[in-house]
Amino acid sequence: MLEGLPPHRPTHLLRLLTHEAAARSMTDLLGEVFDPTETAVAAFEAEDGQTWRLEAYFSEAPDEEIIRDLIRPIVGDAADEAVFETIDQQDWVRASLEGLKPVRAGRFLVHGAHDREKIRPNDLPIEIEAALAFGTGHHGTTLGCLRALVDELKRGRPAHVLDVGTGTGILAFAAAKALRAPVLAGDLDPEAVWTAKGNARLNGLTPFLRLYEGPGVRHALANRPRRFDIVFANILARPLKRLAPSLTAVVADDGVLILSGLIERDVPGVLSTYRHRGFHLVRHGLIEGWATLVLRRGGAAPRPIV
């Protein structure tokens, strides 16, 4: 589980081993207290199946005592065992490289330069620079969206695709590779837009990628009612709820909205929000605890699990 958007260049890290309930509570707490664009908090189950590891990444040095006081009501004296570390940027790049395992969905293969030999003759490869790859380790969201795209491409050829919160650009690149047509992508973070531009050059997709900087669809290129056949939004539950009116407005009558960045407990609330905007669930995928929702405009419909 993850709260917050991963900082592009984290400088400090908090680590703490605890149990599941405490890890989840601290993830929620720290995610609420700190700016989600500058801090990312994650909790993972350890190999023993009992211990949970809490990790929080910060874009600048945190006040250690304040954080210990924040989590003390949850973990008691174990708050004093929390370890704060400085992240060396070379180590960060190396860790990013090691964590960037290839992701395959149909013909799509997302990989680092170190895995180029794994590209097959008919693949549509997408290479991501390791130093810019923070977040690509959360493959459940990326893979879920890529699988949804594969399914949609079997149903037809979309004319207009929009990727909201594009980050490194993976989903936009996949659509552009498959369609060999321009794809629109945006992000509120200027560094993410810069990163996506660099990755587009690396993949030879600059002619097919139109990028904008702004929140949601708040840009003249994106704010076009009922225009897009596919709209990706691989972000988090709270911004997905907040953006529901504007995201649903730009989906074409026969288009799909592909949402991810959700853990399973987020799904009912997000579905309820979009149901009120006239969208129903078509498919619901779950990979490594991360949910991907495919929604269409219209009334109730069967909800198969994929």
C-alpha atoms as a PDB file:
ATOM      1  CA  MET A   1       0.000   0.000   0.000  1.00  0.00           C
ATOM      2  CA  LEU A   2       1.211   3.495  -0.775  1.00  0.00           C
ATOM      3  CA  GLU A   3       0.180   7.003   0.275  1.00  0.00           C
ATOM      4  CA  GLY A   4       1.489  10.083  -1.506  1.00  0.00           C
ATOM      5  CA  LEU A   5       3.155  10.616  -4.817  1.00  0.00           C
ATOM      6  CA  PRO A   6       6.778   9.429  -4.853  1.00  0.00           C
ATOM      7  CA  PRO A   7       9.226  12.363  -4.696  1.00  0.00           C
ATOM      8  CA  HIS A   8      11.459  12.419  -7.763  1.00  0.00           C
ATOM      9  CA  ARG A   9      14.652  12.910  -5.770  1.00  0.00           C
ATOM     10  CA  PRO A  10      14.133  11.696  -2.215  1.00  0.00           C
ATOM     11  CA  THR A  11      16.880  12.700   0.191  1.00  0.00           C
ATOM     12  CA  HIS A  12      15.797  10.997   3.423  1.00  0.00           C
ATOM     13  CA  LEU A  13      14.198   7.712   4.400  1.00  0.00           C
ATOM     14  CA  LEU A  14      12.383   6.431   7.492  1.00  0.00           C
ATOM     15  CA  ARG A  15      12.284   2.661   8.169  1.00  0.00           C
ATOM     16  CA  LEU A  16      10.416   0.805  10.895  1.00  0.00           C
ATOM     17  CA  LEU A  17       9.463  -2.837  11.395  1.00  0.00           C
ATOM     18  CA  THR A  18       6.072  -3.417  13.038  1.00  0.00           C
ATOM     19  CA  HIS A  19       2.829  -5.378  12.624  1.00  0.00           C
ATOM     20  CA  GLU A  20       0.198  -4.966   9.910  1.00  0.00           C
ATOM     21  CA  ALA A  21      -2.352  -2.863  11.805  1.00  0.00           C
ATOM     22  CA  ALA A  22       0.299  -0.409  13.002  1.00  0.00           C
ATOM     23  CA  ALA A  23       1.894  -0.196   9.537  1.00  0.00           C
ATOM     24  CA  ARG A  24      -1.434   0.610   7.915  1.00  0.00           C
ATOM     25  CA  SER A  25      -2.319   3.166  10.596  1.00  0.00           C
ATOM     26  CA  MET A  26       1.030   4.931  10.248  1.00  0.00           C
ATOM     27  CA  THR A  27       0.743   4.934   6.456  1.00  0.00           C
ATOM     28  CA  ASP A  28      -2.610   6.690   6.706  1.00  0.00           C
ATOM     29  CA  LEU A  29      -1.358   9.105   9.373  1.00  0.00           C
ATOM     30  CA  LEU A  30       1.842  10.170   7.647  1.00  0.00           C
ATOM     31  CA  GLY A  31       0.020  10.355   4.324  1.00  0.00           C
ATOM     32  CA  GLU A  32      -2.427  12.837   5.873  1.00  0.00           C
ATOM     33  CA  VAL A  33       0.151  14.945   7.718  1.00  0.00           C
ATOM     34  CA  PHE A  34       2.776  15.434   5.008  1.00  0.00           C
ATOM     35  CA  ASP A  35       2.530  16.975   1.541  1.00  0.00           C
ATOM     36  CA  PRO A  36       1.822  14.007  -0.790  1.00  0.00           C
ATOM     37  CA  THR A  37       3.881  15.570  -3.582  1.00  0.00           C
ATOM     38  CA  GLU A  38       7.001  15.660  -1.392  1.00  0.00           C
ATOM     39  CA  THR A  39       6.557  12.509   0.700  1.00  0.00           C
ATOM     40  CA  ALA A  40       5.697   8.898  -0.105  1.00  0.00           C
ATOM     41  CA  VAL A  41       4.771   6.387   2.592  1.00  0.00           C
ATOM     42  CA  ALA A  42       4.610   2.664   1.930  1.00  0.00           C
ATOM     43  CA  ALA A  43       3.977  -0.478   3.992  1.00  0.00           C
ATOM     44  CA  PHE A  44       4.999  -3.951   2.869  1.00  0.00           C
ATOM     45  CA  GLU A  45       4.632  -7.431   4.312  1.00  0.00           C
ATOM     46  CA  ALA A  46       8.003  -9.027   5.055  1.00  0.00           C
ATOM     47  CA  GLU A  47       9.021 -12.488   3.911  1.00  0.00           C
ATOM     48  CA  ASP A  48       8.109 -14.081   7.251  1.00  0.00           C
ATOM     49  CA  GLY A  49       4.429 -13.294   6.600  1.00  0.00           C
ATOM     50  CA  GLN A  50       4.024 -11.571   9.970  1.00  0.00           C
ATOM     51  CA  THR A  51       6.309  -8.546  10.144  1.00  0.00           C
ATOM     52  CA  TRP A  52       5.482  -5.402   8.170  1.00  0.00           C
ATOM     53  CA  ARG A  53       7.992  -2.827   6.988  1.00  0.00           C
ATOM     54  CA  LEU A  54       7.063   0.849   6.968  1.00  0.00           C
ATOM     55  CA  GLU A  55       9.082   3.121   4.676  1.00  0.00           C
ATOM     56  CA  ALA A  56       8.642   6.858   4.231  1.00  0.00           C
ATOM     57  CA  TYR A  57      10.578   8.835   1.616  1.00  0.00           C
ATOM     58  CA  PHE A  58      11.089  12.588   2.034  1.00  0.00           C
ATOM     59  CA  SER A  59      12.292  15.208  -0.418  1.00  0.00           C
ATOM     60  CA  GLU A  60      14.031  17.082   2.417  1.00  0.00           C
ATOM     61  CA  ALA A  61      15.210  16.316   5.945  1.00  0.00           C
ATOM     62  CA  PRO A  62      12.220  15.594   8.234  1.00  0.00           C
ATOM     63  CA  ASP A  63      11.996  16.564  11.904  1.00  0.00           C
ATOM     64  CA  GLU A  64      12.744  13.188  13.457  1.00  0.00           C
ATOM     65  CA  GLU A  65      11.387  13.969  16.901  1.00  0.00           C
ATOM     66  CA  ILE A  66       8.076  15.251  15.535  1.00  0.00           C
ATOM     67  CA  ILE A  67       7.649  12.051  13.518  1.00  0.00           C
ATOM     68  CA  ARG A  68       8.487   9.871  16.522  1.00  0.00           C
ATOM     69  CA  ASP A  69       5.890  11.768  18.556  1.00  0.00           C
ATOM     70  CA  LEU A  70       3.336  11.321  15.755  1.00  0.00           C
ATOM     71  CA  ILE A  71       3.697   7.556  15.586  1.00  0.00           C
ATOM     72  CA  ARG A  72       4.219   6.936  19.320  1.00  0.00           C
ATOM     73  CA  PRO A  73       0.455   6.629  20.053  1.00  0.00           C
ATOM     74  CA  ILE A  74       0.363   3.830  17.444  1.00  0.00           C
ATOM     75  CA  VAL A  75       3.551   1.864  18.193  1.00  0.00           C
ATOM     76  CA  GLY A  76       4.508   3.030  21.690  1.00  0.00           C
ATOM     77  CA  ASP A  77       8.196   2.833  22.582  1.00  0.00           C
ATOM     78  CA  ALA A  78       8.910   1.230  19.201  1.00  0.00           C
ATOM     79  CA  ALA A  79       8.814   4.798  17.861  1.00  0.00           C
ATOM     80  CA  ASP A  80      12.345   5.165  19.251  1.00  0.00           C
ATOM     81  CA  GLU A  81      13.456   2.273  17.028  1.00  0.00           C
ATOM     82  CA  ALA A  82      12.513   4.129  13.840  1.00  0.00           C
ATOM     83  CA  VAL A  83      15.608   4.529  11.678  1.00  0.00           C
ATOM     84  CA  PHE A  84      16.203   7.704   9.673  1.00  0.00           C
ATOM     85  CA  GLU A  85      18.694   7.539   6.817  1.00  0.00           C
ATOM     86  CA  THR A  86      20.117   9.899   4.233  1.00  0.00           C
ATOM     87  CA  ILE A  87      19.738   8.611   0.686  1.00  0.00           C
ATOM     88  CA  ASP A  88      22.857   8.855  -1.433  1.00  0.00           C
ATOM     89  CA  GLN A  89      21.783   9.763  -4.959  1.00  0.00           C
ATOM     90  CA  GLN A  90      24.133   7.233  -6.556  1.00  0.00           C
ATOM     91  CA  ASP A  91      22.715   4.522  -4.319  1.00  0.00           C
ATOM     92  CA  TRP A  92      19.234   5.683  -5.254  1.00  0.00           C
ATOM     93  CA  VAL A  93      19.970   5.347  -8.963  1.00  0.00           C
ATOM     94  CA  ARG A  94      21.457   1.896  -8.368  1.00  0.00           C
ATOM     95  CA  ALA A  95      18.450   0.817  -6.323  1.00  0.00           C
ATOM     96  CA  SER A  96      16.135   2.119  -9.027  1.00  0.00           C
ATOM     97  CA  LEU A  97      18.016   0.091 -11.603  1.00  0.00           C
ATOM     98  CA  GLU A  98      17.817  -3.073  -9.530  1.00  0.00           C
ATOM     99  CA  GLY A  99      14.120  -2.569  -8.804  1.00  0.00           C
ATOM    100  CA  LEU A 100      13.110  -1.918 -12.394  1.00  0.00           C
ATOM    101  CA  LYS A 101      12.111  -5.402 -13.443  1.00  0.00           C
ATOM    102  CA  PRO A 102      10.543  -5.854 -16.892  1.00  0.00           C
ATOM    103  CA  VAL A 103       6.764  -5.594 -17.014  1.00  0.00           C
ATOM    104  CA  ARG A 104       4.996  -7.468 -19.813  1.00  0.00           C
ATOM    105  CA  ALA A 105       1.392  -7.089 -20.959  1.00  0.00           C
ATOM    106  CA  GLY A 106       0.579  -8.574 -24.331  1.00  0.00           C
ATOM    107  CA  ARG A 107       3.180  -7.185 -26.720  1.00  0.00           C
ATOM    108  CA  PHE A 108       4.090  -4.335 -24.370  1.00  0.00           C
ATOM    109  CA  LEU A 109       7.361  -4.664 -22.451  1.00  0.00           C
ATOM    110  CA  VAL A 110       8.404  -1.956 -19.994  1.00  0.00           C
ATOM    111  CA  HIS A 111      12.095  -2.368 -19.203  1.00  0.00           C
ATOM    112  CA  GLY A 112      15.337  -0.678 -18.240  1.00  0.00           C
ATOM    113  CA  ALA A 113      18.386  -0.445 -20.456  1.00  0.00           C
ATOM    114  CA  HIS A 114      19.859  -3.412 -18.604  1.00  0.00           C
ATOM    115  CA  ASP A 115      17.053  -5.668 -19.890  1.00  0.00           C
ATOM    116  CA  ARG A 116      17.134  -4.834 -23.595  1.00  0.00           C
ATOM    117  CA  GLU A 117      18.096  -8.427 -24.387  1.00  0.00           C
ATOM    118  CA  LYS A 118      14.658  -9.520 -23.169  1.00  0.00           C
ATOM    119  CA  ILE A 119      12.889  -7.731 -26.032  1.00  0.00           C
ATOM    120  CA  ARG A 120      11.231 -10.176 -28.435  1.00  0.00           C
ATOM    121  CA  PRO A 121      10.906  -9.568 -32.200  1.00  0.00           C
ATOM    122  CA  ASN A 122       7.205  -8.616 -32.048  1.00  0.00           C
ATOM    123  CA  ASP A 123       7.343  -6.677 -28.782  1.00  0.00           C
ATOM    124  CA  LEU A 124       6.358  -3.057 -28.349  1.00  0.00           C
ATOM    125  CA  PRO A 125       9.177  -2.121 -25.937  1.00  0.00           C
ATOM    126  CA  ILE A 126       9.147   0.912 -23.668  1.00  0.00           C
ATOM    127  CA  GLU A 127      12.466   1.796 -22.057  1.00  0.00           C
ATOM    128  CA  ILE A 128      12.538   3.882 -18.877  1.00  0.00           C
ATOM    129  CA  GLU A 129      15.709   5.491 -17.547  1.00  0.00           C
ATOM    130  CA  ALA A 130      16.597   3.880 -14.233  1.00  0.00           C
ATOM    131  CA  ALA A 131      17.481   7.190 -12.585  1.00  0.00           C
ATOM    132  CA  LEU A 132      13.982   8.435 -13.348  1.00  0.00           C
ATOM    133  CA  ALA A 133      12.173   5.254 -12.473  1.00  0.00           C
ATOM    134  CA  PHE A 134      10.931   5.812  -8.932  1.00  0.00           C
ATOM    135  CA  GLY A 135       7.404   4.472  -8.840  1.00  0.00           C
ATOM    136  CA  THR A 136       7.817   1.926 -11.612  1.00  0.00           C
ATOM    137  CA  GLY A 137       8.423  -0.712  -8.942  1.00  0.00           C
ATOM    138  CA  HIS A 138       4.725  -0.535  -8.123  1.00  0.00           C
ATOM    139  CA  HIS A 139       3.985  -2.730 -11.097  1.00  0.00           C
ATOM    140  CA  GLY A 140       0.450  -3.641 -10.047  1.00  0.00           C
ATOM    141  CA  THR A 141      -0.820  -0.252 -11.198  1.00  0.00           C
ATOM    142  CA  THR A 142       1.210  -0.039 -14.397  1.00  0.00           C
ATOM    143  CA  LEU A 143       0.569  -3.636 -15.360  1.00  0.00           C
ATOM    144  CA  GLY A 144      -3.154  -3.341 -14.613  1.00  0.00           C
ATOM    145  CA  CYS A 145      -3.478  -0.314 -16.887  1.00  0.00           C
ATOM    146  CA  LEU A 146      -1.414  -1.929 -19.630  1.00  0.00           C
ATOM    147  CA  ARG A 147      -3.600  -5.043 -19.526  1.00  0.00           C
ATOM    148  CA  ALA A 148      -6.692  -2.852 -19.744  1.00  0.00           C
ATOM    149  CA  LEU A 149      -5.192  -1.130 -22.788  1.00  0.00           C
ATOM    150  CA  VAL A 150      -4.487  -4.505 -24.413  1.00  0.00           C
ATOM    151  CA  ASP A 151      -8.153  -5.446 -23.917  1.00  0.00           C
ATOM    152  CA  GLU A 152      -9.387  -2.182 -25.389  1.00  0.00           C
ATOM    153  CA  LEU A 153      -7.146  -2.499 -28.433  1.00  0.00           C
ATOM    154  CA  LYS A 154      -8.770  -5.873 -29.136  1.00  0.00           C
ATOM    155  CA  ARG A 155     -12.127  -4.098 -29.308  1.00  0.00           C
ATOM    156  CA  GLY A 156     -11.106  -1.384 -31.724  1.00  0.00           C
ATOM    157  CA  ARG A 157      -8.719   1.412 -32.571  1.00  0.00           C
ATOM    158  CA  PRO A 158      -9.173   4.496 -30.344  1.00  0.00           C
ATOM    159  CA  ALA A 159      -8.719   7.804 -32.115  1.00  0.00           C
ATOM    160  CA  HIS A 160      -7.985   9.955 -29.065  1.00  0.00           C
ATOM    161  CA  VAL A 161      -6.123   8.860 -25.904  1.00  0.00           C
ATOM    162  CA  LEU A 162      -5.434  10.935 -22.784  1.00  0.00           C
ATOM    163  CA  ASP A 163      -3.101  10.022 -19.902  1.00  0.00           C
ATOM    164  CA  VAL A 164      -3.768  12.152 -16.797  1.00  0.00           C
ATOM    165  CA  GLY A 165      -0.922  12.200 -14.268  1.00  0.00           C
ATOM    166  CA  THR A 166       1.451  10.633 -16.767  1.00  0.00           C
ATOM    167  CA  GLY A 167       4.550  10.550 -14.529  1.00  0.00           C
ATOM    168  CA  THR A 168       7.303   8.791 -16.483  1.00  0.00           C
ATOM    169  CA  GLY A 169       4.944   8.494 -19.467  1.00  0.00           C
ATOM    170  CA  ILE A 170       4.628   4.708 -19.653  1.00  0.00           C
ATOM    171  CA  LEU A 171       0.898   4.488 -20.426  1.00  0.00           C
ATOM    172  CA  ALA A 172       0.998   7.262 -23.008  1.00  0.00           C
ATOM    173  CA  PHE A 173       3.995   5.601 -24.655  1.00  0.00           C
ATOM    174  CA  ALA A 174       2.205   2.255 -24.826  1.00  0.00           C
ATOM    175  CA  ALA A 175      -0.794   3.793 -26.566  1.00  0.00           C
ATOM    176  CA  ALA A 176       1.448   5.718 -28.965  1.00  0.00           C
ATOM    177  CA  LYS A 177       3.508   2.603 -29.766  1.00  0.00           C
ATOM    178  CA  ALA A 178       0.407   0.568 -30.529  1.00  0.00           C
ATOM    179  CA  LEU A 179      -1.472   3.232 -32.482  1.00  0.00           C
ATOM    180  CA  ARG A 180       1.436   5.115 -34.101  1.00  0.00           C
ATOM    181  CA  ALA A 181      -0.714   8.189 -33.587  1.00  0.00           C
ATOM    182  CA  PRO A 182      -0.484  11.247 -31.294  1.00  0.00           C
ATOM    183  CA  VAL A 183      -1.380  10.710 -27.631  1.00  0.00           C
ATOM    184  CA  LEU A 184      -2.032  13.495 -25.126  1.00  0.00           C
ATOM    185  CA  ALA A 185      -0.487  13.285 -21.655  1.00  0.00           C
ATOM    186  CA  GLY A 186      -0.292  15.697 -18.745  1.00  0.00           C
ATOM    187  CA  ASP A 187       1.000  16.054 -15.219  1.00  0.00           C
ATOM    188  CA  LEU A 188       0.790  18.775 -12.591  1.00  0.00           C
ATOM    189  CA  ASP A 189       4.491  18.292 -11.750  1.00  0.00           C
ATOM    190  CA  PRO A 190       6.781  20.150 -14.183  1.00  0.00           C
ATOM    191  CA  GLU A 191       9.592  17.691 -13.424  1.00  0.00           C
ATOM    192  CA  ALA A 192       7.332  14.789 -14.391  1.00  0.00           C
ATOM    193  CA  VAL A 193       6.587  16.512 -17.693  1.00  0.00           C
ATOM    194  CA  TRP A 194      10.302  17.019 -18.240  1.00  0.00           C
ATOM    195  CA  THR A 195      10.934  13.364 -17.403  1.00  0.00           C
ATOM    196  CA  ALA A 196       8.218  12.189 -19.805  1.00  0.00           C
ATOM    197  CA  LYS A 197       9.740  14.312 -22.574  1.00  0.00           C
ATOM    198  CA  GLY A 198      13.135  12.715 -22.011  1.00  0.00           C
ATOM    199  CA  ASN A 199      11.665   9.228 -21.983  1.00  0.00           C
ATOM    200  CA  ALA A 200       9.735  10.007 -25.164  1.00  0.00           C
ATOM    201  CA  ARG A 201      12.991  10.956 -26.905  1.00  0.00           C
ATOM    202  CA  LEU A 202      14.618   7.763 -25.623  1.00  0.00           C
ATOM    203  CA  ASN A 203      11.784   5.705 -27.134  1.00  0.00           C
ATOM    204  CA  GLY A 204      11.584   7.613 -30.411  1.00  0.00           C
ATOM    205  CA  LEU A 205       8.076   8.813 -29.573  1.00  0.00           C
ATOM    206  CA  THR A 206       8.522  12.583 -29.514  1.00  0.00           C
ATOM    207  CA  PRO A 207       6.409  13.028 -32.709  1.00  0.00           C
ATOM    208  CA  PHE A 208       3.564  11.052 -31.121  1.00  0.00           C
ATOM    209  CA  LEU A 209       3.459  12.605 -27.656  1.00  0.00           C
ATOM    210  CA  ARG A 210       1.716  15.872 -26.842  1.00  0.00           C
ATOM    211  CA  LEU A 211       2.445  16.945 -23.272  1.00  0.00           C
ATOM    212  CA  TYR A 212       0.886  19.567 -21.033  1.00  0.00           C
ATOM    213  CA  GLU A 213       1.563  20.777 -17.512  1.00  0.00           C
ATOM    214  CA  GLY A 214      -1.450  21.142 -15.252  1.00  0.00           C
ATOM    215  CA  PRO A 215      -3.717  19.406 -12.753  1.00  0.00           C
ATOM    216  CA  GLY A 216      -6.156  16.879 -14.144  1.00  0.00           C
ATOM    217  CA  VAL A 217      -7.576  18.062 -17.463  1.00  0.00           C
ATOM    218  CA  ARG A 218      -7.132  21.739 -16.683  1.00  0.00           C
ATOM    219  CA  HIS A 219      -5.554  22.600 -20.015  1.00  0.00           C
ATOM    220  CA  ALA A 220      -7.002  23.613 -23.380  1.00  0.00           C
ATOM    221  CA  LEU A 221      -5.661  20.432 -25.014  1.00  0.00           C
ATOM    222  CA  ALA A 222      -7.317  18.144 -22.472  1.00  0.00           C
ATOM    223  CA  ASN A 223     -10.472  19.984 -21.408  1.00  0.00           C
ATOM    224  CA  ARG A 224     -12.543  18.910 -24.414  1.00  0.00           C
ATOM    225  CA  PRO A 225     -15.953  17.430 -23.592  1.00  0.00           C
ATOM    226  CA  ARG A 226     -16.564  13.829 -24.703  1.00  0.00           C
ATOM    227  CA  ARG A 227     -13.495  13.714 -26.918  1.00  0.00           C
ATOM    228  CA  PHE A 228     -11.267  10.892 -25.643  1.00  0.00           C
ATOM    229  CA  ASP A 229     -11.850   7.216 -26.397  1.00  0.00           C
ATOM    230  CA  ILE A 230      -9.475   6.160 -23.602  1.00  0.00           C
ATOM    231  CA  VAL A 231      -8.655   8.203 -20.510  1.00  0.00           C
ATOM    232  CA  PHE A 232      -6.014   6.868 -18.117  1.00  0.00           C
ATOM    233  CA  ALA A 233      -5.755   8.182 -14.552  1.00  0.00           C
ATOM    234  CA  ASN A 234      -3.207   6.144 -12.593  1.00  0.00           C
ATOM    235  CA  ILE A 235      -3.025   8.306  -9.471  1.00  0.00           C
ATOM    236  CA  LEU A 236      -4.530   7.922  -5.959  1.00  0.00           C
ATOM    237  CA  ALA A 237      -8.021   7.497  -4.526  1.00  0.00           C
ATOM    238  CA  ARG A 238      -8.477  11.011  -3.162  1.00  0.00           C
ATOM    239  CA  PRO A 239      -7.458  12.878  -6.332  1.00  0.00           C
ATOM    240  CA  LEU A 240      -9.477  10.394  -8.409  1.00  0.00           C
ATOM    241  CA  LYS A 241     -12.576  11.297  -6.415  1.00  0.00           C
ATOM    242  CA  ARG A 242     -11.829  14.998  -6.639  1.00  0.00           C
ATOM    243  CA  LEU A 243     -11.259  14.834 -10.405  1.00  0.00           C
ATOM    244  CA  ALA A 244     -14.353  12.736 -11.149  1.00  0.00           C
ATOM    245  CA  PRO A 245     -16.444  15.586 -12.643  1.00  0.00           C
ATOM    246  CA  SER A 246     -13.711  16.737 -15.020  1.00  0.00           C
ATOM    247  CA  LEU A 247     -12.410  13.269 -15.957  1.00  0.00           C
ATOM    248  CA  THR A 248     -15.836  11.888 -16.803  1.00  0.00           C
ATOM    249  CA  ALA A 249     -16.659  14.996 -18.826  1.00  0.00           C
ATOM    250  CA  VAL A 250     -13.895  14.359 -21.370  1.00  0.00           C
ATOM    251  CA  VAL A 251     -14.623  10.652 -22.001  1.00  0.00           C
ATOM    252  CA  ALA A 252     -16.277   9.990 -25.363  1.00  0.00           C
ATOM    253  CA  ASP A 253     -19.771   8.483 -25.407  1.00  0.00           C
ATOM    254  CA  ASP A 254     -18.371   5.043 -26.251  1.00  0.00           C
ATOM    255  CA  GLY A 255     -15.051   5.592 -24.481  1.00  0.00           C
ATOM    256  CA  VAL A 256     -13.522   4.054 -21.364  1.00  0.00           C
ATOM    257  CA  LEU A 257     -12.018   5.477 -18.220  1.00  0.00           C
ATOM    258  CA  ILE A 258      -9.143   3.405 -16.817  1.00  0.00           C
ATOM    259  CA  LEU A 259      -8.414   4.196 -13.170  1.00  0.00           C
ATOM    260  CA  SER A 260      -5.615   2.848 -10.986  1.00  0.00           C
ATOM    261  CA  GLY A 261      -3.301   3.760  -8.133  1.00  0.00           C
ATOM    262  CA  LEU A 262      -5.875   2.183  -5.817  1.00  0.00           C
ATOM    263  CA  ILE A 263      -5.602  -0.380  -3.084  1.00  0.00           C
ATOM    264  CA  GLU A 264      -8.578  -2.709  -2.745  1.00  0.00           C
ATOM    265  CA  ARG A 265     -10.184  -0.872   0.152  1.00  0.00           C
ATOM    266  CA  ASP A 266     -10.355   2.306  -1.996  1.00  0.00           C
ATOM    267  CA  VAL A 267     -12.466   0.660  -4.693  1.00  0.00           C
ATOM    268  CA  PRO A 268     -16.012   0.984  -3.234  1.00  0.00           C
ATOM    269  CA  GLY A 269     -15.642   4.703  -2.537  1.00  0.00           C
ATOM    270  CA  VAL A 270     -14.175   5.449  -5.970  1.00  0.00           C
ATOM    271  CA  LEU A 271     -16.843   3.389  -7.721  1.00  0.00           C
ATOM    272  CA  SER A 272     -19.580   5.183  -5.815  1.00  0.00           C
ATOM    273  CA  THR A 273     -18.167   8.566  -6.829  1.00  0.00           C
ATOM    274  CA  TYR A 274     -18.043   7.644 -10.513  1.00  0.00           C
ATOM    275  CA  ARG A 275     -21.409   5.923 -10.429  1.00  0.00           C
ATOM    276  CA  HIS A 276     -22.880   9.280  -9.462  1.00  0.00           C
ATOM    277  CA  ARG A 277     -21.258  10.695 -12.602  1.00  0.00           C
ATOM    278  CA  GLY A 278     -23.052   8.117 -14.777  1.00  0.00           C
ATOM    279  CA  PHE A 279     -20.262   5.547 -15.172  1.00  0.00           C
ATOM    280  CA  HIS A 280     -20.465   1.814 -14.481  1.00  0.00           C
ATOM    281  CA  LEU A 281     -17.777  -0.789 -13.831  1.00  0.00           C
ATOM    282  CA  VAL A 282     -16.872  -2.987 -16.794  1.00  0.00           C
ATOM    283  CA  ARG A 283     -13.797  -4.773 -15.431  1.00  0.00           C
ATOM    284  CA  HIS A 284     -11.973  -4.891 -12.114  1.00  0.00           C
ATOM    285  CA  GLY A 285      -8.405  -6.176 -12.009  1.00  0.00           C
ATOM    286  CA  LEU A 286      -6.284  -6.791  -8.915  1.00  0.00           C
ATOM    287  CA  ILE A 287      -2.499  -7.286  -9.075  1.00  0.00           C
ATOM    288  CA  GLU A 288      -0.291  -7.449  -5.999  1.00  0.00           C
ATOM    289  CA  GLY A 289      -2.903  -5.596  -3.976  1.00  0.00           C
ATOM    290  CA  TRP A 290      -3.346  -2.816  -6.551  1.00  0.00           C
ATOM    291  CA  ALA A 291      -6.731  -2.390  -8.246  1.00  0.00           C
ATOM    292  CA  THR A 292      -7.440  -1.244 -11.791  1.00  0.00           C
ATOM    293  CA  LEU A 293     -10.969  -0.201 -12.780  1.00  0.00           C
ATOM    294  CA  VAL A 294     -12.324   0.061 -16.318  1.00  0.00           C
ATOM    295  CA  LEU A 295     -15.451   2.227 -16.456  1.00  0.00           C
ATOM    296  CA  ARG A 296     -17.907   3.141 -19.197  1.00  0.00           C
ATOM    297  CA  ARG A 297     -20.635   5.708 -19.466  1.00  0.00           C
ATOM    298  CA  GLY A 298     -24.155   4.357 -18.930  1.00  0.00           C
ATOM    299  CA  GLY A 299     -26.273   2.335 -16.511  1.00  0.00           C
ATOM    300  CA  ALA A 300     -25.547  -0.744 -14.483  1.00  0.00           C
ATOM    301  CA  ALA A 301     -23.699  -3.612 -16.128  1.00  0.00           C
ATOM    302  CA  PRO A 302     -22.223  -6.987 -15.170  1.00  0.00           C
ATOM    303  CA  ARG A 303     -18.925  -6.687 -13.338  1.00  0.00           C
ATOM    304  CA  PRO A 304     -16.612  -9.535 -14.231  1.00  0.00           C
ATOM    305  CA  ILE A 305     -13.330  -9.915 -12.403  1.00  0.00           C
ATOM    306  CA  VAL A 306     -10.178 -10.160 -14.529  1.00  0.00           C
END
